[in-house]
Amino acid sequence: MRLEKCWFCSSTVYPGHGIQFVRNDAKIFHFCRSKCHKNFKMKRNPRKVKWTKAYRRLHGKDMTQDSTFEFERKRNRPERYDRNLAENTLKAIKKIDKIRSDRASDHIKNRLKTGKVQRQKEARKQLELGIHLVKAPLALAQDSSLCLLKIKVNVSQAQTEENQPMEE
């Protein structure tokens, strides 16, 4: 029982699932579902389609350099069955999954850290602009440095007469 990787999106293709396409030069392509097969036939580049693994790795959304990925390598030579080896392998798989998930969560935290700093800067700027909304009116009245300067403008009598509504 061999688990293949989808050529387009890099997801796992289980036995009895997906589509297998053989090109004239005898190169075999495995696809997990018809969506991947159709995109391949349309000659789309997996690195430019946002939902593929290749896009996510290229744009820094998923980890690319991690030693745990070496365990997923394709091995074509059959191994002789050994009960102890199989038991140790199953134990190692659990440890590797734990390590991989921890590293993935750290990767996500590091990616989100920059956005958090930007959001904090924007929040500070908004607070400086709208301090009159946050401070209590009495505090603003007592401390004149907290409120905006009021400018008094003198309006001449001629201007006020021009703005009066006309009578019939």
Protein backbone atom coordinates (compact mmCIF):
# COMPACT_ATOMS: atom_id res chain seq x y z
CA MET A 1 0.00 0.00 0.00
CA ARG A 2 1.70 3.19 -1.20
CA LEU A 3 0.59 6.72 -0.42
CA GLU A 4 1.33 9.03 -3.35
CA LYS A 5 1.60 12.82 -3.42
CA CYS A 6 -0.64 14.87 -5.68
CA TRP A 7 1.47 16.45 -8.40
CA PHE A 8 -0.48 19.72 -8.31
CA CYS A 9 -1.37 20.45 -4.68
CA SER A 10 1.05 18.09 -2.84
CA SER A 11 -1.66 16.48 -0.73
CA THR A 12 -1.72 12.74 -0.02
CA VAL A 13 -3.39 10.43 -2.55
CA TYR A 14 -4.64 7.27 -0.86
CA PRO A 15 -4.97 3.94 -2.69
CA GLY A 16 -8.13 3.76 -4.76
CA HIS A 17 -8.51 7.54 -4.84
CA GLY A 18 -7.62 10.22 -7.33
CA ILE A 19 -6.59 10.17 -10.97
CA GLN A 20 -3.40 8.92 -12.59
CA PHE A 21 -2.28 10.57 -15.84
CA VAL A 22 0.49 9.07 -17.97
CA ARG A 23 2.08 11.38 -20.52
CA ASN A 24 3.51 10.22 -23.88
CA ASP A 25 7.04 10.27 -22.46
CA ALA A 26 5.91 7.75 -19.77
CA LYS A 27 5.96 10.32 -16.95
CA ILE A 28 3.25 9.54 -14.39
CA PHE A 29 1.25 12.30 -12.69
CA HIS A 30 -0.93 11.54 -9.67
CA PHE A 31 -3.83 13.85 -8.79
CA CYS A 32 -5.87 13.75 -5.59
CA ARG A 33 -9.10 15.02 -7.15
CA SER A 34 -10.53 16.32 -10.39
CA LYS A 35 -9.87 19.92 -9.34
CA CYS A 36 -6.11 19.32 -9.48
CA HIS A 37 -6.38 17.35 -12.73
CA LYS A 38 -8.39 20.11 -14.44
CA ASN A 39 -5.94 22.79 -13.29
CA PHE A 40 -3.07 20.67 -14.67
CA LYS A 41 -4.88 20.32 -18.01
CA MET A 42 -5.40 24.10 -18.09
CA LYS A 43 -1.58 24.38 -17.74
CA ARG A 44 -1.78 26.38 -14.52
CA ASN A 45 1.31 26.82 -12.43
CA PRO A 46 0.82 25.38 -8.90
CA ARG A 47 3.08 28.11 -7.50
CA LYS A 48 0.59 30.77 -8.64
CA VAL A 49 -2.61 29.04 -7.44
CA LYS A 50 -3.26 30.20 -3.86
CA TRP A 51 -4.65 26.98 -2.38
CA THR A 52 -1.66 24.75 -3.29
CA LYS A 53 1.19 23.78 -1.02
CA ALA A 54 3.73 25.18 -3.51
CA TYR A 55 2.15 28.65 -3.32
CA ARG A 56 2.06 28.58 0.47
CA ARG A 57 5.73 27.59 0.70
CA LEU A 58 6.81 30.13 -1.91
CA HIS A 59 5.05 33.00 -0.16
CA GLY A 60 6.24 32.11 3.37
CA LYS A 61 2.93 30.75 4.63
CA ASP A 62 4.30 27.25 5.38
CA MET A 63 7.68 26.11 6.59
CA THR A 64 10.15 25.15 3.88
CA GLN A 65 13.35 24.34 5.77
CA ASP A 66 12.61 21.73 8.38
CA SER A 67 14.52 18.52 9.06
CA THR A 68 11.30 16.60 9.76
CA PHE A 69 10.37 16.82 6.05
CA GLU A 70 13.22 14.42 5.24
CA PHE A 71 11.22 11.57 6.77
CA GLU A 72 8.56 12.04 4.09
CA ARG A 73 10.99 11.29 1.26
CA LYS A 74 9.95 8.75 -1.34
CA ARG A 75 11.82 5.47 -0.96
CA ASN A 76 11.56 3.00 -3.80
CA ARG A 77 13.52 0.07 -2.40
CA PRO A 78 11.50 -2.43 -0.37
CA GLU A 79 12.63 -3.17 3.17
CA ARG A 80 12.52 -6.52 4.89
CA TYR A 81 9.86 -6.63 7.60
CA ASP A 82 11.18 -6.51 11.15
CA ARG A 83 8.76 -6.34 14.06
CA ASN A 84 11.10 -4.27 16.30
CA LEU A 85 11.88 -1.87 13.48
CA ALA A 86 8.19 -1.39 12.73
CA GLU A 87 7.45 -0.73 16.40
CA ASN A 88 10.26 1.81 16.69
CA THR A 89 9.13 3.47 13.47
CA LEU A 90 5.58 3.90 14.77
CA LYS A 91 6.92 5.46 17.98
CA ALA A 92 9.16 7.77 15.97
CA ILE A 93 6.26 8.86 13.76
CA LYS A 94 4.38 10.14 16.82
CA LYS A 95 7.43 12.07 18.04
CA ILE A 96 8.07 13.54 14.59
CA ASP A 97 4.44 14.67 14.28
CA LYS A 98 4.66 16.37 17.67
CA ILE A 99 7.91 18.13 16.72
CA ARG A 100 6.49 19.17 13.35
CA SER A 101 3.31 20.61 14.86
CA ASP A 102 5.31 22.53 17.50
CA ARG A 103 7.59 23.99 14.84
CA ALA A 104 4.59 24.89 12.66
CA SER A 105 2.91 26.73 15.54
CA ASP A 106 6.16 28.63 16.26
CA HIS A 107 6.39 29.52 12.57
CA ILE A 108 2.83 30.90 12.61
CA LYS A 109 3.51 32.91 15.78
CA ASN A 110 6.60 34.47 14.19
CA ARG A 111 4.64 35.35 11.05
CA LEU A 112 1.87 36.99 13.08
CA LYS A 113 4.33 38.93 15.26
CA THR A 114 5.02 41.54 12.56
CA GLY A 115 1.32 42.16 12.02
CA LYS A 116 0.83 42.63 15.75
CA VAL A 117 3.51 45.34 15.87
CA GLN A 118 1.88 47.13 12.92
CA ARG A 119 -1.55 46.97 14.54
CA GLN A 120 -0.14 48.43 17.76
CA LYS A 121 1.45 51.34 15.86
CA GLU A 122 -1.83 52.06 14.10
CA ALA A 123 -3.72 51.87 17.40
CA ARG A 124 -1.31 54.37 19.01
CA LYS A 125 -1.74 56.75 16.09
CA GLN A 126 -5.55 56.49 16.31
CA LEU A 127 -5.37 57.13 20.06
CA GLU A 128 -3.28 60.26 19.56
CA LEU A 129 -5.73 61.55 16.97
CA GLY A 130 -8.84 60.77 19.01
CA ILE A 131 -7.67 61.46 22.57
CA HIS A 132 -10.67 63.76 23.07
CA LEU A 133 -12.93 60.71 22.64
CA VAL A 134 -11.10 58.72 25.31
CA LYS A 135 -10.48 61.36 27.98
CA ALA A 136 -13.36 62.45 30.20
CA PRO A 137 -14.79 65.93 29.44
CA LEU A 138 -14.02 67.15 32.98
CA ALA A 139 -10.38 66.12 32.65
CA LEU A 140 -10.16 67.99 29.36
CA ALA A 141 -11.70 71.10 30.93
CA GLN A 142 -9.23 71.06 33.84
CA ASP A 143 -6.11 70.36 31.78
CA SER A 144 -5.96 72.61 28.74
CA SER A 145 -2.95 70.75 27.27
CA LEU A 146 -5.16 67.74 26.51
CA CYS A 147 -7.64 69.56 24.30
CA LEU A 148 -7.25 71.16 20.93
CA LEU A 149 -6.69 74.89 20.71
CA LYS A 150 -9.83 76.96 20.14
CA ILE A 151 -9.55 79.73 17.61
CA LYS A 152 -11.86 82.74 17.84
CA VAL A 153 -12.82 84.35 14.58
CA ASN A 154 -14.38 87.81 14.41
CA VAL A 155 -17.16 88.12 11.85
CA SER A 156 -17.95 91.56 10.52
CA GLN A 157 -21.51 92.90 10.39
CA ALA A 158 -21.46 93.18 6.57
CA GLN A 159 -20.92 89.47 6.18
CA THR A 160 -23.80 88.57 8.49
CA GLU A 161 -26.23 90.81 6.56
CA GLU A 162 -25.35 89.11 3.30
CA ASN A 163 -26.14 85.69 4.75
CA GLN A 164 -29.65 86.70 5.93
CA PRO A 165 -32.57 85.10 4.05
CA MET A 166 -34.33 87.41 1.63
CA GLU A 167 -37.85 88.59 2.29
CA GLU A 168 -40.52 89.00 -0.37
